[in-house]
Protein backbone atom coordinates (compact mmCIF):
# COMPACT_ATOMS: atom_id res chain seq x y z
CA MET A 1 6.09 -20.49 4.40
CA SER A 2 7.62 -19.51 7.94
CA VAL A 3 5.96 -19.27 11.09
CA THR A 4 6.77 -15.73 11.20
CA ASP A 5 5.28 -15.19 7.61
CA ASP A 6 2.22 -17.30 9.16
CA VAL A 7 2.14 -14.97 12.15
CA GLU A 8 2.80 -11.76 10.39
CA LYS A 9 -0.01 -12.72 8.37
CA ALA A 10 -2.35 -13.53 11.00
CA VAL A 11 -1.80 -10.19 12.80
CA ALA A 12 -2.58 -8.12 9.76
CA ALA A 13 -5.87 -10.03 9.48
CA ALA A 14 -6.81 -9.09 12.95
CA PHE A 15 -6.09 -5.36 12.39
CA ARG A 16 -8.32 -5.36 9.84
CA GLU A 17 -11.30 -6.97 11.28
CA GLU A 18 -10.76 -6.65 14.89
CA TRP A 19 -8.98 -3.05 15.26
CA ALA A 20 -12.36 -1.10 15.19
CA GLN A 21 -13.67 -3.39 18.15
CA VAL A 22 -10.74 -3.35 20.13
CA VAL A 23 -10.67 0.40 20.09
CA ALA A 24 -13.66 1.14 20.69
CA THR A 25 -14.31 -1.13 23.73
CA LEU A 26 -11.23 0.42 25.12
CA ILE A 27 -12.87 3.99 24.55
CA ARG A 28 -15.81 3.06 26.10
CA VAL A 29 -13.98 1.62 29.36
CA THR A 30 -11.65 4.59 29.76
CA GLY A 31 -12.49 7.53 28.18
CA ASP A 32 -9.66 8.35 26.66
CA TRP A 33 -9.25 8.21 22.91
CA ASP A 34 -5.23 8.74 22.52
CA LEU A 35 -4.78 5.82 25.36
CA ALA A 36 -7.24 3.49 23.31
CA GLU A 37 -5.29 4.06 20.52
CA GLU A 38 -1.85 3.30 21.92
CA CYS A 39 -2.89 0.14 23.86
CA ALA A 40 -4.61 -1.25 20.91
CA GLN A 41 -1.31 -0.55 18.71
CA ASP A 42 0.54 -1.90 21.62
CA ALA A 43 -1.28 -5.47 21.72
CA PHE A 44 -1.21 -5.81 18.27
CA ALA A 45 2.58 -5.60 18.36
CA GLN A 46 2.50 -7.99 21.86
CA ALA A 47 0.49 -10.13 19.13
CA LEU A 48 3.56 -10.65 16.78
CA GLU A 49 5.77 -11.62 19.56
CA ARG A 50 3.58 -13.96 21.75
CA TRP A 51 1.65 -15.81 19.05
CA ARG A 52 5.16 -16.52 17.45
CA CYS A 53 5.52 -18.95 20.62
CA ASP A 54 1.92 -19.66 21.63
CA GLY A 55 0.47 -19.55 18.54
CA VAL A 56 -2.48 -17.96 16.87
CA PRO A 57 -5.09 -18.01 19.73
CA ARG A 58 -8.72 -19.06 19.11
CA ARG A 59 -10.18 -15.87 19.15
CA PRO A 60 -7.60 -13.23 18.46
CA GLY A 61 -9.90 -10.11 19.02
CA ALA A 62 -10.79 -11.47 22.69
CA TRP A 63 -7.10 -11.91 23.22
CA LEU A 64 -6.30 -8.10 21.44
CA THR A 65 -8.79 -6.66 23.67
CA THR A 66 -7.90 -8.00 27.15
CA THR A 67 -4.05 -7.50 26.08
CA ALA A 68 -4.73 -3.97 25.55
CA ARG A 69 -7.29 -3.74 28.33
CA ASN A 70 -4.41 -4.73 30.66
CA ARG A 71 -2.11 -2.16 29.11
CA ALA A 72 -4.41 0.56 29.35
CA LEU A 73 -5.26 -0.40 33.29
CA ASP A 74 -1.34 -0.59 33.98
CA VAL A 75 -0.63 2.74 32.08
CA LEU A 76 -3.66 4.52 34.82
CA ARG A 77 -2.03 2.77 37.50
CA ARG A 78 1.17 4.46 36.97
CA GLU A 79 -0.32 7.69 36.35
CA ALA A 80 -3.17 7.69 38.93
CA VAL A 81 -3.11 11.19 40.92
CA GLY A 82 -5.97 11.11 42.90
CA ALA A 83 -9.64 9.59 42.95
CA ALA A 84 -10.36 10.64 39.07
CA LYS A 85 -7.86 7.97 37.81
CA LEU A 86 -8.29 5.39 40.41
CA ARG A 87 -12.19 5.21 39.64
CA GLU A 88 -10.98 4.69 35.82
CA ALA A 89 -8.57 2.00 36.78
CA ALA A 90 -11.53 0.55 39.07
CA VAL A 91 -13.93 0.53 36.28
CA LEU A 92 -11.69 -1.31 34.22
CA THR A 93 -10.75 -4.07 36.72
CA ARG A 94 -14.83 -4.81 37.43
CA ASP A 95 -15.29 -7.79 35.27
CA GLU A 96 -13.36 -10.76 35.61
CA GLY A 97 -12.01 -12.91 32.68
CA PRO A 98 -11.92 -11.57 28.79
CA TYR A 99 -13.90 -8.97 27.53
CA ASP A 100 -16.81 -10.44 25.20
CA PRO A 101 -18.01 -7.39 23.38
CA TYR A 102 -20.40 -9.77 21.41
CA ASP A 103 -21.92 -11.39 24.78
CA PRO A 104 -25.65 -10.87 25.23
CA ASP A 105 -25.52 -9.28 28.64
CA HIS A 106 -22.83 -6.91 27.60
CA GLU A 107 -24.32 -3.60 28.86
CA GLY A 108 -26.17 -1.35 26.46
CA ASP A 109 -27.31 2.31 26.88
CA ASP A 110 -30.91 4.05 26.65
CA SER A 111 -30.95 3.25 22.85
CA GLY A 112 -31.18 -0.37 23.51
CA VAL A 113 -27.90 -0.59 21.39
CA ARG A 114 -25.15 -3.16 22.70
CA ASP A 115 -22.72 -2.39 19.60
CA ASP A 116 -19.65 -0.79 20.58
CA ARG A 117 -18.64 0.54 17.24
CA LEU A 118 -22.44 2.09 16.59
CA ARG A 119 -21.48 4.02 19.44
CA LEU A 120 -18.16 4.96 18.37
CA VAL A 121 -19.76 6.27 14.95
CA PHE A 122 -22.14 8.73 17.02
CA THR A 123 -19.44 9.84 19.10
CA CYS A 124 -17.43 11.07 16.62
CA CYS A 125 -20.53 12.67 14.59
CA HIS A 126 -21.60 14.54 17.58
CA PRO A 127 -23.30 18.07 15.87
CA ALA A 128 -20.72 20.12 18.27
CA LEU A 129 -18.04 18.89 16.18
CA PRO A 130 -17.18 20.13 12.36
CA ILE A 131 -18.65 17.90 9.72
CA GLU A 132 -14.96 16.90 8.11
CA ALA A 133 -13.67 16.28 11.79
CA ARG A 134 -16.48 14.08 12.55
CA VAL A 135 -15.48 11.69 9.26
CA ALA A 136 -12.10 11.69 9.43
CA LEU A 137 -12.02 10.98 13.24
CA THR A 138 -14.07 8.17 12.93
CA LEU A 139 -11.72 6.64 9.97
CA ARG A 140 -8.99 6.96 12.08
CA THR A 141 -10.47 5.03 15.28
CA LEU A 142 -12.71 2.91 13.43
CA ALA A 143 -11.45 1.89 10.48
CA GLY A 144 -7.73 2.29 11.48
CA LEU A 145 -6.33 4.22 8.41
CA THR A 146 -3.39 6.66 9.37
CA THR A 147 -3.54 10.13 8.95
CA PRO A 148 -1.96 10.18 5.62
CA GLU A 149 -4.17 7.34 4.08
CA ILE A 150 -7.26 9.88 5.79
CA ALA A 151 -5.55 13.43 4.27
CA ARG A 152 -5.60 11.49 0.73
CA ALA A 153 -8.76 10.49 1.09
CA PHE A 154 -9.91 14.44 1.67
CA LEU A 155 -7.28 15.96 -0.84
CA VAL A 156 -5.88 17.74 1.96
CA PRO A 157 -2.20 18.10 3.17
CA GLU A 158 -1.21 15.43 6.09
CA ALA A 159 -0.70 18.17 8.60
CA THR A 160 -3.69 19.73 8.09
CA MET A 161 -5.71 16.97 8.77
CA ALA A 162 -3.46 15.95 12.21
CA GLN A 163 -4.57 19.09 13.02
CA ARG A 164 -8.61 18.27 12.49
CA LEU A 165 -8.03 14.92 14.42
CA VAL A 166 -5.99 16.67 17.56
CA ARG A 167 -8.81 19.02 17.64
CA ALA A 168 -11.99 16.93 17.38
CA LYS A 169 -10.37 14.53 20.12
CA ARG A 170 -9.99 17.68 22.48
CA LYS A 171 -13.16 19.03 21.45
CA ILE A 172 -15.09 15.65 22.69
CA ARG A 173 -12.67 15.64 25.81
CA ASN A 174 -13.36 19.36 26.64
CA ALA A 175 -17.17 19.16 26.14
CA GLY A 176 -17.80 15.75 27.43
CA ILE A 177 -19.51 14.67 24.79
CA PRO A 178 -21.67 11.28 25.91
CA TYR A 179 -20.20 7.58 24.18
CA ARG A 180 -23.30 6.46 22.88
CA VAL A 181 -25.95 6.22 20.72
CA PRO A 182 -27.94 9.12 20.83
CA PRO A 183 -31.90 8.72 22.11
CA ALA A 184 -34.53 8.48 19.04
CA HIS A 185 -35.28 12.30 19.34
CA LEU A 186 -31.62 13.21 18.68
CA LEU A 187 -30.96 10.57 15.82
CA PRO A 188 -31.98 13.11 13.04
CA GLU A 189 -28.96 15.70 13.55
CA ARG A 190 -26.39 13.25 13.75
CA THR A 191 -27.43 11.08 10.37
CA THR A 192 -25.51 13.39 7.75
CA GLY A 193 -22.47 12.62 9.68
CA VAL A 194 -23.20 9.61 10.62
CA LEU A 195 -23.76 8.49 6.96
CA GLY A 196 -20.78 10.15 5.50
CA VAL A 197 -18.69 8.24 7.85
CA LEU A 198 -19.78 5.08 6.89
CA TYR A 199 -20.13 5.62 2.95
CA LEU A 200 -16.34 6.77 3.46
CA LEU A 201 -15.49 3.59 5.56
CA PHE A 202 -16.77 1.57 2.34
CA ASN A 203 -15.11 3.23 -0.12
CA GLU A 204 -11.87 2.85 1.34
CA GLY A 205 -12.56 -0.49 1.49
CA TYR A 206 -13.61 -0.56 -1.95
CA ALA A 207 -10.78 1.03 -3.50
CA ALA A 208 -7.75 1.46 -1.04
CA THR A 209 -5.65 4.62 -0.86
CA ALA A 210 -3.10 3.01 -0.53
CA GLY A 211 -1.02 -0.40 -0.01
CA ALA A 212 -0.71 -3.48 -2.21
CA ASP A 213 -4.43 -4.55 -2.49
CA LEU A 214 -7.42 -2.94 -4.50
CA MET A 215 -9.46 -3.64 -1.85
CA ARG A 216 -10.22 -4.24 2.01
CA SER A 217 -12.80 -6.30 2.15
CA GLY A 218 -13.20 -6.09 5.93
CA LEU A 219 -13.96 -2.60 6.04
CA CYS A 220 -16.65 -3.10 3.27
CA ALA A 221 -18.35 -5.47 5.28
CA GLU A 222 -17.62 -3.36 8.30
CA ALA A 223 -19.71 -0.81 6.95
CA VAL A 224 -22.52 -3.34 5.81
CA ARG A 225 -22.84 -3.95 8.83
CA LEU A 226 -23.15 -0.50 10.80
CA ALA A 227 -25.50 0.63 7.98
CA ARG A 228 -28.12 -2.22 8.50
CA LEU A 229 -27.85 -1.53 12.07
CA LEU A 230 -28.50 2.13 11.11
CA ALA A 231 -31.27 1.46 9.09
CA ARG A 232 -32.77 -0.63 12.04
CA LEU A 233 -32.78 2.43 14.25
CA MET A 234 -34.15 4.59 11.79
CA PRO A 235 -36.17 2.78 9.19
CA ASP A 236 -38.33 5.65 8.15
CA GLU A 237 -35.32 7.54 6.94
CA PRO A 238 -34.97 7.79 3.00
CA GLU A 239 -31.41 8.28 3.06
CA VAL A 240 -30.66 5.66 5.69
CA VAL A 241 -32.29 3.19 3.64
CA GLY A 242 -30.81 4.58 0.70
CA LEU A 243 -27.15 4.39 1.85
CA LEU A 244 -27.63 0.88 2.69
CA ALA A 245 -28.96 0.07 -0.74
CA LEU A 246 -25.96 1.69 -2.61
CA LEU A 247 -23.65 -0.15 -0.50
CA LEU A 248 -25.35 -3.63 -1.00
CA LEU A 249 -25.74 -2.76 -5.07
CA HIS A 250 -21.91 -2.07 -4.95
CA ASP A 251 -21.08 -4.99 -2.75
CA ALA A 252 -22.51 -7.21 -4.99
CA ARG A 253 -19.68 -6.30 -7.63
CA ARG A 254 -16.95 -6.62 -5.02
CA GLY A 255 -15.80 -10.05 -5.65
CA THR A 256 -15.24 -9.51 -9.02
CA ARG A 257 -13.02 -6.32 -9.24
CA VAL A 258 -9.82 -8.10 -9.02
CA ASP A 259 -8.94 -11.06 -11.06
CA ALA A 260 -6.71 -14.34 -9.16
CA ALA A 261 -3.56 -12.19 -9.38
CA GLY A 262 -5.40 -9.30 -7.57
CA ASP A 263 -5.63 -6.94 -10.93
CA LEU A 264 -8.11 -4.64 -11.09
CA VAL A 265 -11.29 -6.04 -13.27
CA THR A 266 -12.92 -2.47 -14.89
CA LEU A 267 -16.80 -2.84 -14.96
CA GLU A 268 -17.28 -3.68 -18.56
CA ASP A 269 -15.27 -6.24 -18.30
CA GLN A 270 -16.21 -7.80 -14.89
CA ASP A 271 -18.52 -11.06 -15.21
CA ARG A 272 -21.73 -10.06 -14.67
CA THR A 273 -22.99 -13.34 -13.97
CA ALA A 274 -20.45 -13.75 -10.83
CA TRP A 275 -22.19 -10.87 -9.39
CA ASP A 276 -24.00 -11.44 -6.04
CA GLN A 277 -27.70 -11.08 -6.98
CA ALA A 278 -29.14 -11.81 -3.58
CA GLU A 279 -27.45 -8.29 -2.63
CA ILE A 280 -28.40 -6.64 -5.80
CA ASP A 281 -32.11 -7.80 -5.50
CA GLU A 282 -32.13 -6.40 -1.81
CA GLY A 283 -30.22 -3.38 -2.48
CA ALA A 284 -33.02 -2.71 -5.74
CA ALA A 285 -35.91 -3.10 -3.53
CA LEU A 286 -34.67 -0.84 -0.32
CA LEU A 287 -33.92 1.54 -3.20
CA GLU A 288 -37.56 1.33 -4.27
CA GLY A 289 -38.97 1.44 -0.88
CA ALA A 290 -36.97 4.67 0.14
CA LEU A 291 -37.72 6.31 -3.53
CA ARG A 292 -41.20 5.88 -2.61
CA ARG A 293 -40.95 8.00 0.45
CA GLY A 294 -40.87 11.04 -1.95
CA ARG A 295 -37.64 12.54 -0.18
CA PRO A 296 -34.84 11.97 -2.61
CA GLY A 297 -30.87 12.66 -1.00
CA PRO A 298 -27.79 11.79 -2.59
CA TYR A 299 -27.60 8.55 -1.38
CA GLN A 300 -30.88 7.59 -3.30
CA ILE A 301 -29.84 8.86 -6.48
CA GLN A 302 -26.11 7.41 -5.82
CA ALA A 303 -27.90 4.25 -5.15
CA ALA A 304 -30.25 4.32 -8.34
CA ILE A 305 -26.85 5.22 -10.16
CA ALA A 306 -24.79 1.86 -8.99
CA ALA A 307 -28.54 0.26 -9.71
CA CYS A 308 -28.10 1.27 -13.83
CA HIS A 309 -24.92 -0.55 -14.04
CA THR A 310 -26.13 -3.95 -11.95
CA THR A 311 -29.18 -4.16 -13.85
CA ALA A 312 -28.08 -3.77 -17.49
CA ALA A 313 -27.55 -7.08 -19.05
CA THR A 314 -24.39 -5.81 -20.71
CA ALA A 315 -21.70 -3.42 -20.61
CA ALA A 316 -23.26 -2.44 -23.94
CA GLY A 317 -26.62 -2.42 -22.89
CA THR A 318 -25.86 0.36 -19.91
CA ASP A 319 -28.18 3.71 -19.94
CA TRP A 320 -25.12 6.30 -19.78
CA ALA A 321 -27.65 8.61 -20.72
CA ASP A 322 -29.97 7.76 -17.42
CA ILE A 323 -26.78 7.76 -15.58
CA ALA A 324 -25.71 11.48 -17.02
CA GLY A 325 -28.81 12.74 -16.05
CA LEU A 326 -28.62 11.39 -12.52
CA TYR A 327 -25.07 12.79 -11.74
CA GLY A 328 -26.23 16.25 -12.82
CA GLU A 329 -28.99 15.70 -10.11
CA LEU A 330 -26.63 14.65 -7.65
CA LEU A 331 -24.71 17.72 -8.47
CA ARG A 332 -27.27 19.75 -6.79
CA TYR A 333 -26.54 17.74 -3.60
CA VAL A 334 -23.13 17.51 -3.46
CA PRO A 335 -21.37 20.27 -6.00
CA SER A 336 -18.04 18.37 -5.51
CA PRO A 337 -15.24 18.04 -8.31
CA VAL A 338 -15.24 14.21 -7.75
CA VAL A 339 -18.86 14.16 -8.92
CA ARG A 340 -18.48 16.20 -11.87
CA LEU A 341 -15.66 13.93 -12.71
CA ASN A 342 -17.75 10.89 -12.52
CA ARG A 343 -20.38 12.82 -14.26
CA ALA A 344 -17.70 13.71 -17.53
CA VAL A 345 -17.31 9.72 -17.72
CA ALA A 346 -21.14 9.78 -18.14
CA VAL A 347 -21.38 12.23 -20.46
CA GLY A 348 -18.53 10.76 -22.50
CA MET A 349 -20.13 7.64 -22.43
CA ALA A 350 -23.10 8.79 -23.59
CA GLU A 351 -22.22 12.02 -26.13
CA GLY A 352 -19.28 10.97 -26.99
CA GLY A 353 -15.41 11.28 -26.11
CA GLU A 354 -15.17 15.48 -27.18
CA ALA A 355 -18.22 15.51 -24.57
CA GLY A 356 -16.98 14.24 -22.01
CA LEU A 357 -13.15 15.60 -22.50
CA ALA A 358 -14.57 19.50 -22.30
CA LEU A 359 -15.89 18.33 -18.80
CA VAL A 360 -12.64 17.14 -17.53
CA ALA A 361 -10.68 19.92 -19.46
CA GLU A 362 -12.71 22.69 -17.26
CA LEU A 363 -11.90 20.48 -13.54
CA ALA A 364 -8.53 20.51 -14.85
CA ALA A 365 -8.33 24.20 -15.40
CA GLU A 366 -10.34 24.91 -11.76
CA ASP A 367 -7.07 22.89 -10.12
CA ASP A 368 -9.76 21.29 -7.58
CA LEU A 369 -8.49 18.07 -8.20
CA ALA A 370 -4.82 18.53 -8.22
CA GLY A 371 -2.84 15.47 -7.23
CA TYR A 372 -5.80 13.23 -7.72
CA HIS A 373 -4.87 10.71 -10.13
CA LEU A 374 -8.52 10.01 -11.37
CA LEU A 375 -8.54 13.44 -13.04
CA PRO A 376 -5.82 12.58 -15.77
CA ALA A 377 -6.43 8.65 -15.73
CA THR A 378 -10.33 9.94 -17.09
CA ARG A 379 -9.03 12.23 -19.33
CA ALA A 380 -6.54 9.23 -20.36
CA ASP A 381 -9.63 6.87 -21.02
CA LEU A 382 -11.82 8.47 -23.13
CA LEU A 383 -8.65 9.60 -25.46
CA ARG A 384 -8.05 5.82 -25.73
CA ARG A 385 -11.28 4.97 -26.39
CA MET A 386 -11.52 7.68 -29.40
CA GLY A 387 -7.99 6.16 -30.57
CA ARG A 388 -5.88 9.25 -29.65
CA THR A 389 -3.43 6.90 -28.34
CA ARG A 390 -0.42 9.05 -28.08
CA GLU A 391 -2.41 11.43 -26.12
CA ALA A 392 -3.85 8.70 -23.94
CA ALA A 393 -0.56 7.83 -23.11
CA GLU A 394 0.90 11.10 -22.17
CA SER A 395 -2.19 11.35 -19.35
CA TYR A 396 -1.44 8.13 -18.25
CA GLU A 397 1.75 8.82 -17.31
CA GLN A 398 0.61 11.68 -15.47
CA ALA A 399 -1.66 9.32 -13.81
CA LEU A 400 0.97 6.98 -12.81
CA ALA A 401 2.91 9.97 -11.26
CA LEU A 402 0.35 10.49 -8.83
CA VAL A 403 -1.24 6.61 -8.38
CA GLU A 404 -0.71 4.68 -5.04
CA ASN A 405 -2.76 1.78 -4.84
CA ALA A 406 -0.65 -0.77 -6.18
CA ALA A 407 -3.33 -2.41 -8.00
CA GLU A 408 -4.32 0.60 -9.17
CA ARG A 409 -0.84 1.31 -10.40
CA ARG A 410 -0.70 -2.35 -12.42
CA PHE A 411 -3.67 -1.51 -14.61
CA LEU A 412 -2.40 2.18 -15.33
CA GLU A 413 0.80 0.57 -16.72
CA LYS A 414 -1.00 -1.80 -18.83
CA ARG A 415 -3.18 0.95 -20.01
CA LEU A 416 0.02 2.82 -21.13
CA ALA A 417 1.12 -0.54 -22.68
CA GLU A 418 -1.26 -0.39 -24.98
CA CYS A 419 -1.43 3.02 -26.11
CA ARG A 420 2.13 2.97 -26.61
CA SER A 421 2.36 -0.14 -28.81
CA ALA A 422 -0.75 1.17 -30.70
């Protein structure tokens, strides 16, 4: 492997692991979201050139943060036109040496939380912003997702998502929304948006919208880490604890979701002995504690669904009737077409393929999931299980025309070939 290949892999790994910290730090010290993203991108571009000559630094995150911050200082110096800009430049230069976000002496806010990434989540999730904008903006700045990736996650046109992001940043700037974790009495009003952000952040890591790999493990780990921080901040909120339980129960299976070749392994074919039992036990205990509070919510219900899967000794022993009932309960809180599609799968497994197909047909007729590859993929799987392979092949072809992730594409192609040969 060439030096260029090694450096490109190192930069790609640093992007996955460090993007959020670099951007969050720059937003804190400059207050300018667009400048923070621009300078972070410049730092990663410089890394591609400099690391080929100088080698990959021992602490890539510190190198990238310092490089990006110096770039921001240069921009502010060039554009400084008055005392306000000069004060911003002074903030950037007041520290000596590389910035270390994990330094115990790094200043916190009045919440006592020193983590810039958690501050970023709460800033993005200010109640002055629409809920869709809160989630989209955090995915852009915290996870480094592109506008097209976020648009696909929300099932909206790219131009629509771009406008949401622009308006959200403008609102934060014009309204002077502070960059901090709010004091305890204001935490509840931000909870819904923050939980939604962490959930979608984990989901993008667990099943990447696009790209060569099925998963982006760094995003999963970051979502779990932030969920733990949030649970420590709000231990009496059952939905906060429920989200952490949900993420842990899913994360326990992460290592078995792809094989050595990077191909997708379905839940029923995964090696259950390789699941992370410690995470399963922790998630189940957290869920039990949350449910005892008697205030159920969507994340607790989803965690209960995940627990049905992770506690079943075998795939055949899965209680699909219980799962279908839980999805019905979840629809009371989240009446979305995606939840209805998941319920259709559970009903099909519990009551037979025809019952599941009827629910899928209802969704297809409503057109809310047009362009969503899992709709025809679900229909195809139900038909395949029923032995209707010709119809299943047609639905797999429809799913292949919509899928963007390479690992999922390979899986669907394999299923299509099986149906054709049958």
